[in-house]
Amino acid sequence: MANYLNCVISHGALAESIKAVVEKLTAPSPTFYCFTNQDFTLEKIEASIEQLILEKNPEQTFLFVDLMGGSCWILANRLKHRFENMVILSGVNVPMLISYSINMDRLPFESLISKIMEDARKGIVRK
């Protein structure tokens, strides 16, 4: 089993809401730690994630953020400067986290990233 730390960082209630949907659609679902800048300052979120990294000592940390360039993205990039084993994926959506949940223990790290990005994009269609 992969030793990954999974954090969803968002504006408003998106992180908890998307986590709840993914948990209903995938079983078992990996642990997603959710953070919102609605409830906490960016400094508090940063300290909380840093503490999780130090406690869990993951092989890799996944930071799923809602909006590239937003305050959550900026926070994620500050963390990435201090922790090498971290990947930031923006535009978090349900297909992205479902793909992650299904494939995290089945694919090697780089293939996993490619797969979840591909599946996230497949979830965006126009009819």
C-alpha atoms as a PDB file:
ATOM      1  CA  MET A   1       0.000   0.000   0.000  1.00  0.00           C
ATOM      2  CA  ALA A   2       1.283   3.441  -0.949  1.00  0.00           C
ATOM      3  CA  ASN A   3       2.340   5.739   1.856  1.00  0.00           C
ATOM      4  CA  TYR A   4       0.760   8.941   0.546  1.00  0.00           C
ATOM      5  CA  LEU A   5      -0.621  11.930   2.409  1.00  0.00           C
ATOM      6  CA  ASN A   6      -3.695  13.392   0.686  1.00  0.00           C
ATOM      7  CA  CYS A   7      -4.850  16.946   1.325  1.00  0.00           C
ATOM      8  CA  VAL A   8      -7.648  18.885  -0.346  1.00  0.00           C
ATOM      9  CA  ILE A   9      -7.353  22.655   0.048  1.00  0.00           C
ATOM     10  CA  SER A  10     -10.179  24.882  -1.125  1.00  0.00           C
ATOM     11  CA  HIS A  11     -12.188  28.019  -0.830  1.00  0.00           C
ATOM     12  CA  GLY A  12     -15.474  27.608   1.011  1.00  0.00           C
ATOM     13  CA  ALA A  13     -16.942  24.185   1.705  1.00  0.00           C
ATOM     14  CA  LEU A  14     -15.679  22.541  -1.496  1.00  0.00           C
ATOM     15  CA  ALA A  15     -13.009  20.346   0.134  1.00  0.00           C
ATOM     16  CA  GLU A  16     -15.360  18.651   2.601  1.00  0.00           C
ATOM     17  CA  SER A  17     -18.157  18.389   0.032  1.00  0.00           C
ATOM     18  CA  ILE A  18     -16.025  16.777  -2.648  1.00  0.00           C
ATOM     19  CA  LYS A  19     -14.534  14.399  -0.069  1.00  0.00           C
ATOM     20  CA  ALA A  20     -18.029  13.303   1.009  1.00  0.00           C
ATOM     21  CA  VAL A  21     -19.047  12.585  -2.593  1.00  0.00           C
ATOM     22  CA  VAL A  22     -15.886  10.583  -3.305  1.00  0.00           C
ATOM     23  CA  GLU A  23     -16.303   8.554  -0.108  1.00  0.00           C
ATOM     24  CA  LYS A  24     -19.837   7.580  -1.206  1.00  0.00           C
ATOM     25  CA  LEU A  25     -18.661   6.531  -4.654  1.00  0.00           C
ATOM     26  CA  THR A  26     -15.496   4.633  -3.733  1.00  0.00           C
ATOM     27  CA  ALA A  27     -15.020   2.082  -1.022  1.00  0.00           C
ATOM     28  CA  PRO A  28     -12.713   1.950   0.684  1.00  0.00           C
ATOM     29  CA  SER A  29     -11.617   5.504   0.124  1.00  0.00           C
ATOM     30  CA  PRO A  30      -8.211   6.835   1.152  1.00  0.00           C
ATOM     31  CA  THR A  31      -8.039   9.414   3.893  1.00  0.00           C
ATOM     32  CA  PHE A  32      -8.358  12.938   2.558  1.00  0.00           C
ATOM     33  CA  TYR A  33      -7.486  15.737   4.974  1.00  0.00           C
ATOM     34  CA  CYS A  34      -9.582  18.760   4.088  1.00  0.00           C
ATOM     35  CA  PHE A  35      -8.728  22.396   4.630  1.00  0.00           C
ATOM     36  CA  THR A  36     -10.643  25.554   3.777  1.00  0.00           C
ATOM     37  CA  ASN A  37      -9.538  29.145   3.908  1.00  0.00           C
ATOM     38  CA  GLN A  38     -13.080  29.929   5.014  1.00  0.00           C
ATOM     39  CA  ASP A  39     -12.466  28.372   8.430  1.00  0.00           C
ATOM     40  CA  PHE A  40      -8.716  28.859   8.884  1.00  0.00           C
ATOM     41  CA  THR A  41      -6.014  31.336   8.004  1.00  0.00           C
ATOM     42  CA  LEU A  42      -3.523  30.257   5.379  1.00  0.00           C
ATOM     43  CA  GLU A  43      -0.845  30.173   8.072  1.00  0.00           C
ATOM     44  CA  LYS A  44      -2.948  27.779  10.180  1.00  0.00           C
ATOM     45  CA  ILE A  45      -3.548  25.497   7.182  1.00  0.00           C
ATOM     46  CA  GLU A  46       0.142  25.570   6.322  1.00  0.00           C
ATOM     47  CA  ALA A  47       1.115  24.671   9.900  1.00  0.00           C
ATOM     48  CA  SER A  48      -1.469  21.868  10.009  1.00  0.00           C
ATOM     49  CA  ILE A  49      -0.247  20.294   6.769  1.00  0.00           C
ATOM     50  CA  GLU A  50       3.374  20.637   7.846  1.00  0.00           C
ATOM     51  CA  GLN A  51       2.533  18.878  11.118  1.00  0.00           C
ATOM     52  CA  LEU A  52       0.768  16.056   9.219  1.00  0.00           C
ATOM     53  CA  ILE A  53       3.830  15.615   7.012  1.00  0.00           C
ATOM     54  CA  LEU A  54       6.121  15.408  10.020  1.00  0.00           C
ATOM     55  CA  GLU A  55       3.799  12.965  11.835  1.00  0.00           C
ATOM     56  CA  LYS A  56       2.982  10.689   8.889  1.00  0.00           C
ATOM     57  CA  ASN A  57       6.348  10.862   7.077  1.00  0.00           C
ATOM     58  CA  PRO A  58       4.748  10.048   3.689  1.00  0.00           C
ATOM     59  CA  GLU A  59       6.606   8.919   0.574  1.00  0.00           C
ATOM     60  CA  GLN A  60       4.645  11.578  -1.306  1.00  0.00           C
ATOM     61  CA  THR A  61       2.172  14.264  -0.397  1.00  0.00           C
ATOM     62  CA  PHE A  62      -0.657  15.121  -2.769  1.00  0.00           C
ATOM     63  CA  LEU A  63      -2.110  18.604  -2.458  1.00  0.00           C
ATOM     64  CA  PHE A  64      -5.356  18.853  -4.412  1.00  0.00           C
ATOM     65  CA  VAL A  65      -6.374  22.520  -4.728  1.00  0.00           C
ATOM     66  CA  ASP A  66      -9.416  24.112  -6.267  1.00  0.00           C
ATOM     67  CA  LEU A  67      -8.011  27.023  -8.273  1.00  0.00           C
ATOM     68  CA  MET A  68      -4.619  27.527  -9.865  1.00  0.00           C
ATOM     69  CA  GLY A  69      -3.262  30.926  -8.888  1.00  0.00           C
ATOM     70  CA  GLY A  70      -5.627  31.408  -5.942  1.00  0.00           C
ATOM     71  CA  SER A  71      -4.623  31.714  -2.299  1.00  0.00           C
ATOM     72  CA  CYS A  72      -4.861  27.936  -1.739  1.00  0.00           C
ATOM     73  CA  TRP A  73      -2.537  27.382  -4.712  1.00  0.00           C
ATOM     74  CA  ILE A  74      -0.069  29.937  -3.370  1.00  0.00           C
ATOM     75  CA  LEU A  75      -0.116  28.200   0.018  1.00  0.00           C
ATOM     76  CA  ALA A  76       0.487  24.810  -1.630  1.00  0.00           C
ATOM     77  CA  ASN A  77       3.477  26.219  -3.509  1.00  0.00           C
ATOM     78  CA  ARG A  78       4.986  27.583  -0.298  1.00  0.00           C
ATOM     79  CA  LEU A  79       4.805  24.078   1.152  1.00  0.00           C
ATOM     80  CA  LYS A  80       6.273  22.517  -1.990  1.00  0.00           C
ATOM     81  CA  HIS A  81       9.345  24.750  -1.655  1.00  0.00           C
ATOM     82  CA  ARG A  82      10.039  23.125   1.730  1.00  0.00           C
ATOM     83  CA  PHE A  83       9.058  19.531   0.960  1.00  0.00           C
ATOM     84  CA  GLU A  84      10.457  17.853  -2.156  1.00  0.00           C
ATOM     85  CA  ASN A  85       8.151  14.835  -2.127  1.00  0.00           C
ATOM     86  CA  MET A  86       5.025  16.811  -2.930  1.00  0.00           C
ATOM     87  CA  VAL A  87       2.796  17.235  -5.960  1.00  0.00           C
ATOM     88  CA  ILE A  88       0.178  19.945  -6.408  1.00  0.00           C
ATOM     89  CA  LEU A  89      -2.831  19.294  -8.635  1.00  0.00           C
ATOM     90  CA  SER A  90      -5.250  22.143  -9.275  1.00  0.00           C
ATOM     91  CA  GLY A  91      -8.807  22.111 -10.541  1.00  0.00           C
ATOM     92  CA  VAL A  92      -9.792  19.360  -8.148  1.00  0.00           C
ATOM     93  CA  ASN A  93     -12.979  17.610  -9.198  1.00  0.00           C
ATOM     94  CA  VAL A  94     -14.853  14.406  -8.396  1.00  0.00           C
ATOM     95  CA  PRO A  95     -13.410  12.381 -11.303  1.00  0.00           C
ATOM     96  CA  MET A  96      -9.886  13.387 -10.228  1.00  0.00           C
ATOM     97  CA  LEU A  97     -10.317  12.127  -6.670  1.00  0.00           C
ATOM     98  CA  ILE A  98     -12.175   8.981  -7.723  1.00  0.00           C
ATOM     99  CA  SER A  99      -9.357   8.134 -10.134  1.00  0.00           C
ATOM    100  CA  TYR A 100      -6.835   8.793  -7.397  1.00  0.00           C
ATOM    101  CA  SER A 101      -8.741   6.577  -4.964  1.00  0.00           C
ATOM    102  CA  ILE A 102      -8.968   3.709  -7.425  1.00  0.00           C
ATOM    103  CA  ASN A 103      -5.419   3.904  -8.757  1.00  0.00           C
ATOM    104  CA  MET A 104      -3.233   5.039  -5.866  1.00  0.00           C
ATOM    105  CA  ASP A 105      -2.203   1.502  -4.929  1.00  0.00           C
ATOM    106  CA  ARG A 106      -2.212   0.123  -8.478  1.00  0.00           C
ATOM    107  CA  LEU A 107       0.006   2.526 -10.414  1.00  0.00           C
ATOM    108  CA  PRO A 108       3.557   3.772  -9.951  1.00  0.00           C
ATOM    109  CA  PHE A 109       3.793   7.403  -8.850  1.00  0.00           C
ATOM    110  CA  GLU A 110       4.357   9.131 -12.220  1.00  0.00           C
ATOM    111  CA  SER A 111       1.749   6.958 -13.953  1.00  0.00           C
ATOM    112  CA  LEU A 112      -0.701   7.750 -11.160  1.00  0.00           C
ATOM    113  CA  ILE A 113      -0.305  11.483 -11.705  1.00  0.00           C
ATOM    114  CA  SER A 114      -0.829  11.120 -15.454  1.00  0.00           C
ATOM    115  CA  LYS A 115      -3.883   8.915 -14.957  1.00  0.00           C
ATOM    116  CA  ILE A 116      -5.663  11.167 -12.475  1.00  0.00           C
ATOM    117  CA  MET A 117      -5.009  14.256 -14.608  1.00  0.00           C
ATOM    118  CA  GLU A 118      -6.360  12.456 -17.677  1.00  0.00           C
ATOM    119  CA  ASP A 119      -9.453  11.268 -15.800  1.00  0.00           C
ATOM    120  CA  ALA A 120     -10.062  14.732 -14.337  1.00  0.00           C
ATOM    121  CA  ARG A 121     -10.061  16.205 -17.829  1.00  0.00           C
ATOM    122  CA  LYS A 122     -12.402  13.465 -19.106  1.00  0.00           C
ATOM    123  CA  GLY A 123     -14.926  14.638 -16.544  1.00  0.00           C
ATOM    124  CA  ILE A 124     -15.193  18.015 -18.278  1.00  0.00           C
ATOM    125  CA  VAL A 125     -17.348  17.750 -21.392  1.00  0.00           C
ATOM    126  CA  ARG A 126     -19.556  19.897 -23.535  1.00  0.00           C
ATOM    127  CA  LYS A 127     -22.645  18.476 -25.212  1.00  0.00           C
END
